Amino acid sequence: MTAKEKESGKLKITQIKSGIGYHHTAKKTLIALGLRKMHQTVVQPNNAAIRGMIFKINYLLKVEEA
């Protein structure tokens, strides 16, 4: 599988933990991903920028391929 094939598609991202009590950059990253509430799910493109944000706050998220 090439890098381009790996990046294609969508990711289904669900917030599973609250951002309360975590560093403000974690909260800003949740907002940048489009997550505002607990158990909210958003669909984002599978690209390097989104994967980097997910990696930064993976302890607050559940990620699936859509």
N, C-alpha and C. Protein backbone atom coordinates (compact mmCIF):
# COMPACT_ATOMS: atom_id res chain seq x y z
N MET A 1 0.85 -1.17 0.00
CA MET A 1 0.00 0.00 0.00
C MET A 1 0.91 1.24 0.00
N THR A 2 0.64 2.15 -0.91
CA THR A 2 1.43 3.37 -0.99
C THR A 2 0.93 4.39 0.04
N ALA A 3 1.72 5.43 0.22
CA ALA A 3 1.35 6.48 1.18
C ALA A 3 0.06 7.17 0.74
N LYS A 4 -0.11 7.35 -0.56
CA LYS A 4 -1.32 8.02 -1.06
C LYS A 4 -2.55 7.18 -0.79
N GLU A 5 -2.46 5.86 -0.97
CA GLU A 5 -3.60 4.98 -0.69
C GLU A 5 -3.93 4.97 0.79
N LYS A 6 -2.89 5.05 1.63
CA LYS A 6 -3.10 5.06 3.07
C LYS A 6 -3.83 6.32 3.52
N GLU A 7 -3.59 7.44 2.85
CA GLU A 7 -4.22 8.71 3.22
C GLU A 7 -5.64 8.86 2.70
N SER A 8 -6.02 8.08 1.69
CA SER A 8 -7.36 8.26 1.13
C SER A 8 -8.42 7.75 2.10
N GLY A 9 -9.60 8.26 1.96
CA GLY A 9 -10.70 7.82 2.80
C GLY A 9 -11.03 8.82 3.89
N LYS A 10 -11.85 8.36 4.82
CA LYS A 10 -12.34 9.21 5.90
C LYS A 10 -12.11 8.52 7.23
N LEU A 11 -12.04 9.32 8.28
CA LEU A 11 -11.91 8.81 9.64
C LEU A 11 -13.13 9.25 10.44
N LYS A 12 -13.67 8.32 11.20
CA LYS A 12 -14.79 8.61 12.10
C LYS A 12 -14.19 8.79 13.50
N ILE A 13 -14.26 10.01 14.03
CA ILE A 13 -13.61 10.35 15.28
C ILE A 13 -14.68 10.65 16.33
N THR A 14 -14.59 9.95 17.48
CA THR A 14 -15.55 10.11 18.56
C THR A 14 -14.81 10.54 19.82
N GLN A 15 -15.33 11.56 20.50
CA GLN A 15 -14.75 11.99 21.77
C GLN A 15 -15.27 11.09 22.87
N ILE A 16 -14.35 10.40 23.57
CA ILE A 16 -14.77 9.45 24.61
C ILE A 16 -14.46 9.95 26.02
N LYS A 17 -13.62 10.98 26.14
CA LYS A 17 -13.31 11.56 27.45
C LYS A 17 -13.45 13.07 27.36
N SER A 18 -13.73 13.68 28.50
CA SER A 18 -13.86 15.13 28.56
C SER A 18 -12.49 15.80 28.52
N GLY A 19 -12.44 16.99 27.98
CA GLY A 19 -11.22 17.77 27.96
C GLY A 19 -10.95 18.50 29.25
N ILE A 20 -11.90 18.43 30.19
CA ILE A 20 -11.74 19.11 31.48
C ILE A 20 -10.56 18.49 32.23
N GLY A 21 -9.70 19.34 32.74
CA GLY A 21 -8.56 18.87 33.51
C GLY A 21 -7.32 18.61 32.68
N TYR A 22 -7.41 18.74 31.37
CA TYR A 22 -6.27 18.55 30.49
C TYR A 22 -5.74 19.91 30.03
N HIS A 23 -4.56 19.90 29.47
CA HIS A 23 -3.91 21.13 29.02
C HIS A 23 -4.78 21.85 27.99
N HIS A 24 -4.68 23.17 27.95
CA HIS A 24 -5.54 23.95 27.05
C HIS A 24 -5.28 23.62 25.58
N THR A 25 -4.09 23.14 25.24
CA THR A 25 -3.85 22.77 23.83
C THR A 25 -4.67 21.54 23.45
N ALA A 26 -4.92 20.65 24.41
CA ALA A 26 -5.78 19.48 24.13
C ALA A 26 -7.20 19.94 23.84
N LYS A 27 -7.68 20.90 24.61
CA LYS A 27 -9.03 21.42 24.40
C LYS A 27 -9.14 22.11 23.05
N LYS A 28 -8.11 22.89 22.68
CA LYS A 28 -8.11 23.58 21.39
C LYS A 28 -8.08 22.58 20.24
N THR A 29 -7.37 21.47 20.42
CA THR A 29 -7.30 20.45 19.38
C THR A 29 -8.65 19.77 19.20
N LEU A 30 -9.37 19.52 20.30
CA LEU A 30 -10.72 18.96 20.20
C LEU A 30 -11.62 19.87 19.37
N ILE A 31 -11.55 21.17 19.65
CA ILE A 31 -12.37 22.14 18.91
C ILE A 31 -11.96 22.17 17.44
N ALA A 32 -10.66 22.10 17.17
CA ALA A 32 -10.18 22.12 15.79
C ALA A 32 -10.65 20.89 15.01
N LEU A 33 -10.82 19.78 15.69
CA LEU A 33 -11.34 18.57 15.05
C LEU A 33 -12.86 18.64 14.86
N GLY A 34 -13.50 19.62 15.48
CA GLY A 34 -14.95 19.77 15.35
C GLY A 34 -15.72 19.08 16.46
N LEU A 35 -15.05 18.72 17.54
CA LEU A 35 -15.69 18.03 18.66
C LEU A 35 -16.00 19.02 19.76
N ARG A 36 -17.26 19.08 20.17
CA ARG A 36 -17.68 20.03 21.18
C ARG A 36 -18.26 19.35 22.42
N LYS A 37 -18.78 18.13 22.27
CA LYS A 37 -19.46 17.44 23.37
C LYS A 37 -18.93 16.01 23.49
N MET A 38 -19.16 15.43 24.65
CA MET A 38 -18.83 14.02 24.87
C MET A 38 -19.66 13.14 23.94
N HIS A 39 -19.06 12.08 23.46
CA HIS A 39 -19.69 11.08 22.60
C HIS A 39 -20.17 11.65 21.27
N GLN A 40 -19.70 12.82 20.91
CA GLN A 40 -20.00 13.39 19.60
C GLN A 40 -19.06 12.75 18.59
N THR A 41 -19.56 12.48 17.39
CA THR A 41 -18.77 11.86 16.33
C THR A 41 -18.72 12.79 15.14
N VAL A 42 -17.53 12.94 14.57
CA VAL A 42 -17.34 13.71 13.35
C VAL A 42 -16.61 12.84 12.34
N VAL A 43 -16.80 13.15 11.07
CA VAL A 43 -16.08 12.46 10.00
C VAL A 43 -15.13 13.47 9.38
N GLN A 44 -13.85 13.12 9.38
CA GLN A 44 -12.80 13.99 8.85
C GLN A 44 -12.03 13.24 7.78
N PRO A 45 -11.41 13.96 6.85
CA PRO A 45 -10.58 13.28 5.85
C PRO A 45 -9.34 12.67 6.51
N ASN A 46 -8.87 11.57 5.95
CA ASN A 46 -7.68 10.91 6.47
C ASN A 46 -6.46 11.54 5.81
N ASN A 47 -5.93 12.58 6.44
CA ASN A 47 -4.72 13.22 5.92
C ASN A 47 -3.74 13.45 7.07
N ALA A 48 -2.56 13.92 6.73
CA ALA A 48 -1.49 14.06 7.73
C ALA A 48 -1.86 15.03 8.84
N ALA A 49 -2.53 16.12 8.52
CA ALA A 49 -2.89 17.12 9.53
C ALA A 49 -3.86 16.55 10.56
N ILE A 50 -4.87 15.86 10.09
CA ILE A 50 -5.87 15.27 10.99
C ILE A 50 -5.24 14.16 11.82
N ARG A 51 -4.42 13.31 11.20
CA ARG A 51 -3.76 12.23 11.94
C ARG A 51 -2.83 12.80 13.02
N GLY A 52 -2.18 13.92 12.74
CA GLY A 52 -1.32 14.56 13.74
C GLY A 52 -2.11 15.05 14.93
N MET A 53 -3.29 15.63 14.68
CA MET A 53 -4.15 16.09 15.78
C MET A 53 -4.64 14.91 16.61
N ILE A 54 -4.99 13.81 15.93
CA ILE A 54 -5.46 12.61 16.62
C ILE A 54 -4.34 12.05 17.49
N PHE A 55 -3.13 12.00 16.96
CA PHE A 55 -1.98 11.49 17.71
C PHE A 55 -1.74 12.31 18.97
N LYS A 56 -1.93 13.62 18.87
CA LYS A 56 -1.68 14.53 19.98
C LYS A 56 -2.63 14.28 21.16
N ILE A 57 -3.89 13.93 20.87
CA ILE A 57 -4.89 13.75 21.94
C ILE A 57 -5.58 12.38 21.83
N ASN A 58 -4.82 11.35 21.49
CA ASN A 58 -5.41 10.02 21.29
C ASN A 58 -6.06 9.46 22.56
N TYR A 59 -5.69 9.95 23.74
CA TYR A 59 -6.26 9.48 25.00
C TYR A 59 -7.68 10.01 25.22
N LEU A 60 -8.14 10.95 24.38
CA LEU A 60 -9.49 11.49 24.52
C LEU A 60 -10.43 10.99 23.41
N LEU A 61 -9.89 10.22 22.46
CA LEU A 61 -10.64 9.88 21.25
C LEU A 61 -10.73 8.39 20.98
N LYS A 62 -11.73 8.04 20.18
CA LYS A 62 -11.83 6.71 19.56
C LYS A 62 -11.90 6.97 18.05
N VAL A 63 -11.05 6.30 17.28
CA VAL A 63 -10.96 6.56 15.85
C VAL A 63 -11.24 5.28 15.09
N GLU A 64 -12.10 5.38 14.06
CA GLU A 64 -12.43 4.26 13.18
C GLU A 64 -12.36 4.75 11.74
N GLU A 65 -12.16 3.82 10.82
CA GLU A 65 -12.22 4.19 9.40
C GLU A 65 -13.66 4.22 8.97
N ALA A 66 -14.02 5.23 8.18
CA ALA A 66 -15.41 5.35 7.73
C ALA A 66 -15.52 4.99 6.26
